[in-house]
PDB file of all heavy atoms in Angstrom:
ATOM      1  N   ALA A   1      42.103 108.851  67.343  1.00  0.00           N
ATOM      2  CA  ALA A   1      42.036 107.651  66.519  1.00  0.00           C
ATOM      3  C   ALA A   1      43.191 107.600  65.542  1.00  0.00           C
ATOM      4  O   ALA A   1      43.760 106.518  65.276  1.00  0.00           O
ATOM      5  CB  ALA A   1      40.705 107.577  65.815  1.00  0.00           C
ATOM      6  N   LEU A   2      43.542 108.743  64.953  1.00  0.00           N
ATOM      7  CA  LEU A   2      44.665 108.761  63.987  1.00  0.00           C
ATOM      8  C   LEU A   2      45.976 108.465  64.675  1.00  0.00           C
ATOM      9  O   LEU A   2      46.829 107.773  64.127  1.00  0.00           O
ATOM     10  CB  LEU A   2      44.688 110.115  63.290  1.00  0.00           C
ATOM     11  CG  LEU A   2      43.538 110.392  62.312  1.00  0.00           C
ATOM     12  CD1 LEU A   2      43.606 111.819  61.785  1.00  0.00           C
ATOM     13  CD2 LEU A   2      43.535 109.404  61.178  1.00  0.00           C
ATOM     14  N   ILE A   3      46.131 108.960  65.887  1.00  0.00           N
ATOM     15  CA  ILE A   3      47.365 108.705  66.631  1.00  0.00           C
ATOM     16  C   ILE A   3      47.430 107.212  66.969  1.00  0.00           C
ATOM     17  O   ILE A   3      48.499 106.590  66.822  1.00  0.00           O
ATOM     18  CB  ILE A   3      47.453 109.579  67.893  1.00  0.00           C
ATOM     19  CG1 ILE A   3      47.722 111.020  67.474  1.00  0.00           C
ATOM     20  CG2 ILE A   3      48.499 109.077  68.840  1.00  0.00           C
ATOM     21  CD1 ILE A   3      47.668 112.023  68.598  1.00  0.00           C
ATOM     22  N   LYS A   4      46.313 106.632  67.418  1.00  0.00           N
ATOM     23  CA  LYS A   4      46.316 105.224  67.746  1.00  0.00           C
ATOM     24  C   LYS A   4      46.628 104.367  66.530  1.00  0.00           C
ATOM     25  O   LYS A   4      47.330 103.370  66.648  1.00  0.00           O
ATOM     26  CB  LYS A   4      44.938 104.814  68.295  1.00  0.00           C
ATOM     27  CG  LYS A   4      44.730 105.207  69.734  1.00  0.00           C
ATOM     28  CD  LYS A   4      43.368 104.715  70.187  1.00  0.00           C
ATOM     29  CE  LYS A   4      43.050 105.212  71.563  1.00  0.00           C
ATOM     30  NZ  LYS A   4      41.692 104.834  72.006  1.00  0.00           N
ATOM     31  N   ARG A   5      46.161 104.775  65.389  1.00  0.00           N
ATOM     32  CA  ARG A   5      46.337 103.962  64.187  1.00  0.00           C
ATOM     33  C   ARG A   5      47.735 104.112  63.582  1.00  0.00           C
ATOM     34  O   ARG A   5      48.369 103.157  63.213  1.00  0.00           O
ATOM     35  CB  ARG A   5      45.296 104.340  63.138  1.00  0.00           C
ATOM     36  CG  ARG A   5      45.486 103.509  61.853  1.00  0.00           C
ATOM     37  CD  ARG A   5      44.469 103.850  60.823  1.00  0.00           C
ATOM     38  NE  ARG A   5      43.187 103.311  61.260  1.00  0.00           N
ATOM     39  CZ  ARG A   5      42.020 103.649  60.697  1.00  0.00           C
ATOM     40  NH1 ARG A   5      41.997 104.476  59.709  1.00  0.00           N
ATOM     41  NH2 ARG A   5      40.898 103.115  61.139  1.00  0.00           N
ATOM     42  N   TYR A   6      48.199 105.352  63.451  1.00  0.00           N
ATOM     43  CA  TYR A   6      49.414 105.586  62.711  1.00  0.00           C
ATOM     44  C   TYR A   6      50.661 105.857  63.534  1.00  0.00           C
ATOM     45  O   TYR A   6      51.777 105.773  63.047  1.00  0.00           O
ATOM     46  CB  TYR A   6      49.220 106.724  61.697  1.00  0.00           C
ATOM     47  CG  TYR A   6      48.175 106.387  60.671  1.00  0.00           C
ATOM     48  CD1 TYR A   6      46.965 107.045  60.646  1.00  0.00           C
ATOM     49  CD2 TYR A   6      48.427 105.396  59.729  1.00  0.00           C
ATOM     50  CE1 TYR A   6      46.015 106.733  59.683  1.00  0.00           C
ATOM     51  CE2 TYR A   6      47.490 105.064  58.789  1.00  0.00           C
ATOM     52  CZ  TYR A   6      46.273 105.740  58.749  1.00  0.00           C
ATOM     53  OH  TYR A   6      45.322 105.406  57.842  1.00  0.00           O
ATOM     54  N   ALA A   7      50.495 106.241  64.790  1.00  0.00           N
ATOM     55  CA  ALA A   7      51.647 106.593  65.599  1.00  0.00           C
ATOM     56  C   ALA A   7      52.073 105.409  66.479  1.00  0.00           C
ATOM     57  O   ALA A   7      52.391 105.562  67.639  1.00  0.00           O
ATOM     58  CB  ALA A   7      51.365 107.796  66.470  1.00  0.00           C
ATOM     59  N   THR A   8      52.112 104.250  65.900  1.00  0.00           N
ATOM     60  CA  THR A   8      52.584 103.099  66.642  1.00  0.00           C
ATOM     61  C   THR A   8      54.128 103.127  66.649  1.00  0.00           C
ATOM     62  O   THR A   8      54.729 103.760  65.791  1.00  0.00           O
ATOM     63  CB  THR A   8      52.123 101.790  65.976  1.00  0.00           C
ATOM     64  OG1 THR A   8      52.622 101.727  64.652  1.00  0.00           O
ATOM     65  CG2 THR A   8      50.608 101.713  65.975  1.00  0.00           C
ATOM     66  N   PRO A   9      54.761 102.483  67.592  1.00  0.00           N
ATOM     67  CA  PRO A   9      56.232 102.521  67.646  1.00  0.00           C
ATOM     68  C   PRO A   9      56.881 102.003  66.372  1.00  0.00           C
ATOM     69  O   PRO A   9      57.890 102.570  65.915  1.00  0.00           O
ATOM     70  CB  PRO A   9      56.567 101.643  68.838  1.00  0.00           C
ATOM     71  CG  PRO A   9      55.359 101.706  69.708  1.00  0.00           C
ATOM     72  CD  PRO A   9      54.203 101.845  68.765  1.00  0.00           C
ATOM     73  N   ASN A  10      56.336 100.966  65.746  1.00  0.00           N
ATOM     74  CA  ASN A  10      56.924 100.433  64.527  1.00  0.00           C
ATOM     75  C   ASN A  10      56.866 101.456  63.414  1.00  0.00           C
ATOM     76  O   ASN A  10      57.842 101.648  62.658  1.00  0.00           O
ATOM     77  CB  ASN A  10      56.204  99.149  64.092  1.00  0.00           C
ATOM     78  CG  ASN A  10      56.511  98.000  65.019  1.00  0.00           C
ATOM     79  OD1 ASN A  10      57.551  97.974  65.673  1.00  0.00           O
ATOM     80  ND2 ASN A  10      55.615  97.037  65.058  1.00  0.00           N
ATOM     81  N   ASN A  11      55.740 102.153  63.260  1.00  0.00           N
ATOM     82  CA  ASN A  11      55.628 103.170  62.237  1.00  0.00           C
ATOM     83  C   ASN A  11      56.544 104.343  62.479  1.00  0.00           C
ATOM     84  O   ASN A  11      57.110 104.898  61.546  1.00  0.00           O
ATOM     85  CB  ASN A  11      54.178 103.662  62.116  1.00  0.00           C
ATOM     86  CG  ASN A  11      53.252 102.627  61.524  1.00  0.00           C
ATOM     87  OD1 ASN A  11      53.701 101.658  60.913  1.00  0.00           O
ATOM     88  ND2 ASN A  11      51.967 102.804  61.729  1.00  0.00           N
ATOM     89  N   LEU A  12      56.700 104.714  63.749  1.00  0.00           N
ATOM     90  CA  LEU A  12      57.607 105.816  64.045  1.00  0.00           C
ATOM     91  C   LEU A  12      59.040 105.445  63.754  1.00  0.00           C
ATOM     92  O   LEU A  12      59.814 106.245  63.240  1.00  0.00           O
ATOM     93  CB  LEU A  12      57.435 106.239  65.517  1.00  0.00           C
ATOM     94  CG  LEU A  12      56.082 106.909  65.865  1.00  0.00           C
ATOM     95  CD1 LEU A  12      56.032 107.196  67.345  1.00  0.00           C
ATOM     96  CD2 LEU A  12      55.898 108.150  65.048  1.00  0.00           C
ATOM     97  N   PHE A  13      59.422 104.213  64.084  1.00  0.00           N
ATOM     98  CA  PHE A  13      60.773 103.751  63.801  1.00  0.00           C
ATOM     99  C   PHE A  13      61.036 103.710  62.290  1.00  0.00           C
ATOM    100  O   PHE A  13      62.097 104.096  61.829  1.00  0.00           O
ATOM    101  CB  PHE A  13      61.064 102.404  64.427  1.00  0.00           C
ATOM    102  CG  PHE A  13      61.255 102.427  65.908  1.00  0.00           C
ATOM    103  CD1 PHE A  13      60.754 101.427  66.699  1.00  0.00           C
ATOM    104  CD2 PHE A  13      61.913 103.492  66.513  1.00  0.00           C
ATOM    105  CE1 PHE A  13      60.914 101.477  68.080  1.00  0.00           C
ATOM    106  CE2 PHE A  13      62.089 103.531  67.895  1.00  0.00           C
ATOM    107  CZ  PHE A  13      61.583 102.520  68.681  1.00  0.00           C
ATOM    108  N   LYS A  14      60.048 103.262  61.524  1.00  0.00           N
ATOM    109  CA  LYS A  14      60.198 103.200  60.069  1.00  0.00           C
ATOM    110  C   LYS A  14      60.364 104.597  59.482  1.00  0.00           C
ATOM    111  O   LYS A  14      61.204 104.832  58.613  1.00  0.00           O
ATOM    112  CB  LYS A  14      59.015 102.497  59.429  1.00  0.00           C
ATOM    113  CG  LYS A  14      58.981 101.018  59.649  1.00  0.00           C
ATOM    114  CD  LYS A  14      57.764 100.402  59.015  1.00  0.00           C
ATOM    115  CE  LYS A  14      57.659  98.901  59.353  1.00  0.00           C
ATOM    116  NZ  LYS A  14      56.416  98.312  58.849  1.00  0.00           N
ATOM    117  N   ALA A  15      59.530 105.514  59.947  1.00  0.00           N
ATOM    118  CA  ALA A  15      59.602 106.895  59.427  1.00  0.00           C
ATOM    119  C   ALA A  15      60.914 107.554  59.853  1.00  0.00           C
ATOM    120  O   ALA A  15      61.522 108.314  59.090  1.00  0.00           O
ATOM    121  CB  ALA A  15      58.432 107.703  59.949  1.00  0.00           C
ATOM    122  N   ASP A  16      61.377 107.229  61.048  1.00  0.00           N
ATOM    123  CA  ASP A  16      62.611 107.796  61.522  1.00  0.00           C
ATOM    124  C   ASP A  16      63.838 107.243  60.771  1.00  0.00           C
ATOM    125  O   ASP A  16      64.794 107.958  60.561  1.00  0.00           O
ATOM    126  CB  ASP A  16      62.763 107.600  63.022  1.00  0.00           C
ATOM    127  CG  ASP A  16      63.871 108.453  63.610  1.00  0.00           C
ATOM    128  OD1 ASP A  16      63.804 109.684  63.412  1.00  0.00           O
ATOM    129  OD2 ASP A  16      64.809 107.889  64.227  1.00  0.00           O
ATOM    130  N   GLU A  17      63.770 105.991  60.378  1.00  0.00           N
ATOM    131  CA  GLU A  17      64.864 105.418  59.609  1.00  0.00           C
ATOM    132  C   GLU A  17      64.998 106.121  58.272  1.00  0.00           C
ATOM    133  O   GLU A  17      66.129 106.353  57.791  1.00  0.00           O
ATOM    134  CB  GLU A  17      64.627 103.915  59.399  1.00  0.00           C
ATOM    135  CG  GLU A  17      64.891 103.065  60.601  1.00  0.00           C
ATOM    136  CD  GLU A  17      64.582 101.596  60.328  1.00  0.00           C
ATOM    137  OE1 GLU A  17      64.342 101.233  59.161  1.00  0.00           O
ATOM    138  OE2 GLU A  17      64.588 100.810  61.302  1.00  0.00           O
ATOM    139  N   LYS A  18      63.884 106.454  57.646  1.00  0.00           N
ATOM    140  CA  LYS A  18      63.939 107.083  56.329  1.00  0.00           C
ATOM    141  C   LYS A  18      64.299 108.575  56.426  1.00  0.00           C
ATOM    142  O   LYS A  18      65.132 109.053  55.649  1.00  0.00           O
ATOM    143  CB  LYS A  18      62.588 106.950  55.633  1.00  0.00           C
ATOM    144  CG  LYS A  18      62.252 105.545  55.278  1.00  0.00           C
ATOM    145  CD  LYS A  18      60.891 105.443  54.626  1.00  0.00           C
ATOM    146  CE  LYS A  18      60.518 104.016  54.333  1.00  0.00           C
ATOM    147  NZ  LYS A  18      59.173 103.895  53.831  1.00  0.00           N
ATOM    148  N   LEU A  19      63.704 109.279  57.352  1.00  0.00           N
ATOM    149  CA  LEU A  19      63.840 110.740  57.383  1.00  0.00           C
ATOM    150  C   LEU A  19      64.765 111.238  58.493  1.00  0.00           C
ATOM    151  O   LEU A  19      65.167 112.399  58.456  1.00  0.00           O
ATOM    152  CB  LEU A  19      62.455 111.372  57.587  1.00  0.00           C
ATOM    153  CG  LEU A  19      61.407 111.014  56.533  1.00  0.00           C
ATOM    154  CD1 LEU A  19      60.063 111.561  56.923  1.00  0.00           C
ATOM    155  CD2 LEU A  19      61.825 111.502  55.185  1.00  0.00           C
ATOM    156  N   ASN A  20      65.112 110.418  59.456  1.00  0.00           N
ATOM    157  CA  ASN A  20      65.952 110.796  60.614  1.00  0.00           C
ATOM    158  C   ASN A  20      65.429 112.064  61.291  1.00  0.00           C
ATOM    159  O   ASN A  20      66.138 113.019  61.528  1.00  0.00           O
ATOM    160  CB  ASN A  20      67.409 110.993  60.154  1.00  0.00           C
ATOM    161  CG  ASN A  20      68.349 110.967  61.352  1.00  0.00           C
ATOM    162  OD1 ASN A  20      67.977 110.537  62.429  1.00  0.00           O
ATOM    163  ND2 ASN A  20      69.549 111.443  61.162  1.00  0.00           N
ATOM    164  N   ILE A  21      64.124 112.022  61.553  1.00  0.00           N
ATOM    165  CA  ILE A  21      63.476 113.166  62.205  1.00  0.00           C
ATOM    166  C   ILE A  21      64.016 113.398  63.618  1.00  0.00           C
ATOM    167  O   ILE A  21      64.267 114.544  64.024  1.00  0.00           O
ATOM    168  CB  ILE A  21      61.945 112.941  62.244  1.00  0.00           C
ATOM    169  CG1 ILE A  21      61.420 112.856  60.821  1.00  0.00           C
ATOM    170  CG2 ILE A  21      61.258 114.036  63.003  1.00  0.00           C
ATOM    171  CD1 ILE A  21      59.986 112.367  60.757  1.00  0.00           C
ATOM    172  N   SER A  22      64.176 112.306  64.374  1.00  0.00           N
ATOM    173  CA  SER A  22      64.604 112.472  65.754  1.00  0.00           C
ATOM    174  C   SER A  22      66.042 113.010  65.809  1.00  0.00           C
ATOM    175  O   SER A  22      66.352 113.836  66.674  1.00  0.00           O
ATOM    176  CB  SER A  22      64.515 111.132  66.484  1.00  0.00           C
ATOM    177  OG  SER A  22      65.350 110.192  65.878  1.00  0.00           O
ATOM    178  N   GLY A  23      66.918 112.581  64.908  1.00  0.00           N
ATOM    179  CA  GLY A  23      68.284 113.080  64.904  1.00  0.00           C
ATOM    180  C   GLY A  23      68.331 114.570  64.568  1.00  0.00           C
ATOM    181  O   GLY A  23      69.089 115.335  65.178  1.00  0.00           O
ATOM    182  N   THR A  24      67.533 114.980  63.604  1.00  0.00           N
ATOM    183  CA  THR A  24      67.490 116.399  63.220  1.00  0.00           C
ATOM    184  C   THR A  24      66.925 117.224  64.372  1.00  0.00           C
ATOM    185  O   THR A  24      67.484 118.301  64.693  1.00  0.00           O
ATOM    186  CB  THR A  24      66.608 116.580  61.986  1.00  0.00           C
ATOM    187  OG1 THR A  24      67.099 115.695  60.955  1.00  0.00           O
ATOM    188  CG2 THR A  24      66.657 117.996  61.498  1.00  0.00           C
ATOM    189  N   ALA A  25      65.877 116.727  64.987  1.00  0.00           N
ATOM    190  CA  ALA A  25      65.277 117.486  66.106  1.00  0.00           C
ATOM    191  C   ALA A  25      66.237 117.572  67.276  1.00  0.00           C
ATOM    192  O   ALA A  25      66.379 118.642  67.881  1.00  0.00           O
ATOM    193  CB  ALA A  25      63.969 116.828  66.524  1.00  0.00           C
ATOM    194  N   MET A  26      66.906 116.465  67.593  1.00  0.00           N
ATOM    195  CA  MET A  26      67.841 116.489  68.711  1.00  0.00           C
ATOM    196  C   MET A  26      69.062 117.366  68.408  1.00  0.00           C
ATOM    197  O   MET A  26      69.611 118.010  69.307  1.00  0.00           O
ATOM    198  CB  MET A  26      68.280 115.084  69.071  1.00  0.00           C
ATOM    199  CG  MET A  26      67.176 114.249  69.724  1.00  0.00           C
ATOM    200  SD  MET A  26      66.509 115.001  71.182  1.00  0.00           S
ATOM    201  CE  MET A  26      67.863 114.851  72.312  1.00  0.00           C
ATOM    202  N   SER A  27      69.509 117.390  67.141  1.00  0.00           N
ATOM    203  CA  SER A  27      70.661 118.242  66.814  1.00  0.00           C
ATOM    204  C   SER A  27      70.313 119.722  66.941  1.00  0.00           C
ATOM    205  O   SER A  27      71.199 120.544  67.151  1.00  0.00           O
ATOM    206  CB  SER A  27      71.172 117.952  65.413  1.00  0.00           C
ATOM    207  OG  SER A  27      70.240 118.392  64.445  1.00  0.00           O
ATOM    208  N   LEU A  28      69.042 120.062  66.842  1.00  0.00           N
ATOM    209  CA  LEU A  28      68.625 121.444  67.035  1.00  0.00           C
ATOM    210  C   LEU A  28      68.244 121.753  68.488  1.00  0.00           C
ATOM    211  O   LEU A  28      68.586 122.824  69.018  1.00  0.00           O
ATOM    212  CB  LEU A  28      67.438 121.768  66.153  1.00  0.00           C
ATOM    213  CG  LEU A  28      67.669 121.690  64.641  1.00  0.00           C
ATOM    214  CD1 LEU A  28      66.366 121.863  63.898  1.00  0.00           C
ATOM    215  CD2 LEU A  28      68.676 122.735  64.222  1.00  0.00           C
ATOM    216  N   LEU A  29      67.573 120.826  69.130  1.00  0.00           N
ATOM    217  CA  LEU A  29      67.069 121.096  70.474  1.00  0.00           C
ATOM    218  C   LEU A  29      68.127 120.881  71.587  1.00  0.00           C
ATOM    219  O   LEU A  29      68.143 121.619  72.571  1.00  0.00           O
ATOM    220  CB  LEU A  29      65.879 120.196  70.788  1.00  0.00           C
ATOM    221  CG  LEU A  29      64.627 120.462  69.967  1.00  0.00           C
ATOM    222  CD1 LEU A  29      63.556 119.456  70.271  1.00  0.00           C
ATOM    223  CD2 LEU A  29      64.121 121.866  70.209  1.00  0.00           C
ATOM    224  N   LEU A  30      68.993 119.878  71.424  1.00  0.00           N
ATOM    225  CA  LEU A  30      69.961 119.573  72.458  1.00  0.00           C
ATOM    226  C   LEU A  30      70.910 120.733  72.748  1.00  0.00           C
ATOM    227  O   LEU A  30      71.123 121.075  73.941  1.00  0.00           O
ATOM    228  CB  LEU A  30      70.722 118.304  72.096  1.00  0.00           C
ATOM    229  CG  LEU A  30      71.500 117.623  73.209  1.00  0.00           C
ATOM    230  CD1 LEU A  30      70.585 117.217  74.344  1.00  0.00           C
ATOM    231  CD2 LEU A  30      72.216 116.388  72.687  1.00  0.00           C
ATOM    232  N   PRO A  31      71.511 121.406  71.752  1.00  0.00           N
ATOM    233  CA  PRO A  31      72.366 122.547  72.076  1.00  0.00           C
ATOM    234  C   PRO A  31      71.615 123.677  72.774  1.00  0.00           C
ATOM    235  O   PRO A  31      72.147 124.290  73.692  1.00  0.00           O
ATOM    236  CB  PRO A  31      72.881 123.009  70.705  1.00  0.00           C
ATOM    237  CG  PRO A  31      72.727 121.864  69.820  1.00  0.00           C
ATOM    238  CD  PRO A  31      71.574 121.077  70.334  1.00  0.00           C
ATOM    239  N   MET A  32      70.377 123.929  72.337  1.00  0.00           N
ATOM    240  CA  MET A  32      69.612 125.006  72.956  1.00  0.00           C
ATOM    241  C   MET A  32      69.319 124.697  74.430  1.00  0.00           C
ATOM    242  O   MET A  32      69.488 125.534  75.303  1.00  0.00           O
ATOM    243  CB  MET A  32      68.299 125.232  72.218  1.00  0.00           C
ATOM    244  CG  MET A  32      68.496 125.825  70.850  1.00  0.00           C
ATOM    245  SD  MET A  32      67.021 125.911  69.825  1.00  0.00           S
ATOM    246  CE  MET A  32      65.766 126.459  70.904  1.00  0.00           C
ATOM    247  N   VAL A  33      68.899 123.451  74.699  1.00  0.00           N
ATOM    248  CA  VAL A  33      68.571 123.051  76.073  1.00  0.00           C
ATOM    249  C   VAL A  33      69.799 123.101  76.932  1.00  0.00           C
ATOM    250  O   VAL A  33      69.754 123.581  78.072  1.00  0.00           O
ATOM    251  CB  VAL A  33      67.899 121.666  76.067  1.00  0.00           C
ATOM    252  CG1 VAL A  33      67.791 121.124  77.488  1.00  0.00           C
ATOM    253  CG2 VAL A  33      66.526 121.751  75.429  1.00  0.00           C
ATOM    254  N   MET A  34      70.905 122.572  76.432  1.00  0.00           N
ATOM    255  CA  MET A  34      72.139 122.534  77.243  1.00  0.00           C
ATOM    256  C   MET A  34      72.631 123.938  77.560  1.00  0.00           C
ATOM    257  O   MET A  34      73.067 124.220  78.659  1.00  0.00           O
ATOM    258  CB  MET A  34      73.191 121.691  76.560  1.00  0.00           C
ATOM    259  CG  MET A  34      72.759 120.279  76.439  1.00  0.00           C
ATOM    260  SD  MET A  34      73.914 118.964  76.598  1.00  0.00           S
ATOM    261  CE  MET A  34      75.266 119.462  77.436  1.00  0.00           C
ATOM    262  N   ASN A  35      72.590 124.860  76.553  1.00  0.00           N
ATOM    263  CA  ASN A  35      73.079 126.203  76.768  1.00  0.00           C
ATOM    264  C   ASN A  35      72.142 127.008  77.680  1.00  0.00           C
ATOM    265  O   ASN A  35      72.587 127.898  78.404  1.00  0.00           O
ATOM    266  CB  ASN A  35      73.260 126.941  75.453  1.00  0.00           C
ATOM    267  CG  ASN A  35      74.542 126.519  74.758  1.00  0.00           C
ATOM    268  OD1 ASN A  35      75.517 126.140  75.393  1.00  0.00           O
ATOM    269  ND2 ASN A  35      74.536 126.566  73.444  1.00  0.00           N
ATOM    270  N   LYS A  36      70.854 126.687  77.654  1.00  0.00           N
ATOM    271  CA  LYS A  36      69.908 127.420  78.503  1.00  0.00           C
ATOM    272  C   LYS A  36      69.885 126.889  79.938  1.00  0.00           C
ATOM    273  O   LYS A  36      69.513 127.617  80.852  1.00  0.00           O
ATOM    274  CB  LYS A  36      68.489 127.325  77.943  1.00  0.00           C
ATOM    275  CG  LYS A  36      68.307 128.008  76.615  1.00  0.00           C
ATOM    276  CD  LYS A  36      68.210 129.488  76.781  1.00  0.00           C
ATOM    277  CE  LYS A  36      67.954 130.135  75.415  1.00  0.00           C
ATOM    278  NZ  LYS A  36      67.938 131.549  75.510  1.00  0.00           N
ATOM    279  N   THR A  37      70.249 125.629  80.146  1.00  0.00           N
ATOM    280  CA  THR A  37      70.137 125.055  81.482  1.00  0.00           C
ATOM    281  C   THR A  37      71.508 124.863  82.157  1.00  0.00           C
ATOM    282  O   THR A  37      71.849 125.526  83.134  1.00  0.00           O
ATOM    283  CB  THR A  37      69.398 123.714  81.467  1.00  0.00           C
ATOM    284  OG1 THR A  37      70.078 122.831  80.575  1.00  0.00           O
ATOM    285  CG2 THR A  37      67.975 123.913  81.018  1.00  0.00           C
TER     286      THR A  37
END
């Protein structure tokens, strides 16, 4: 229920604009994935 209520695409985009969570996660995960694969 909490995911349905708060994890809507609009809310995720708003949170990502403020905190840039996806950019930070990708800057950490992308090099690891590319070097491992």
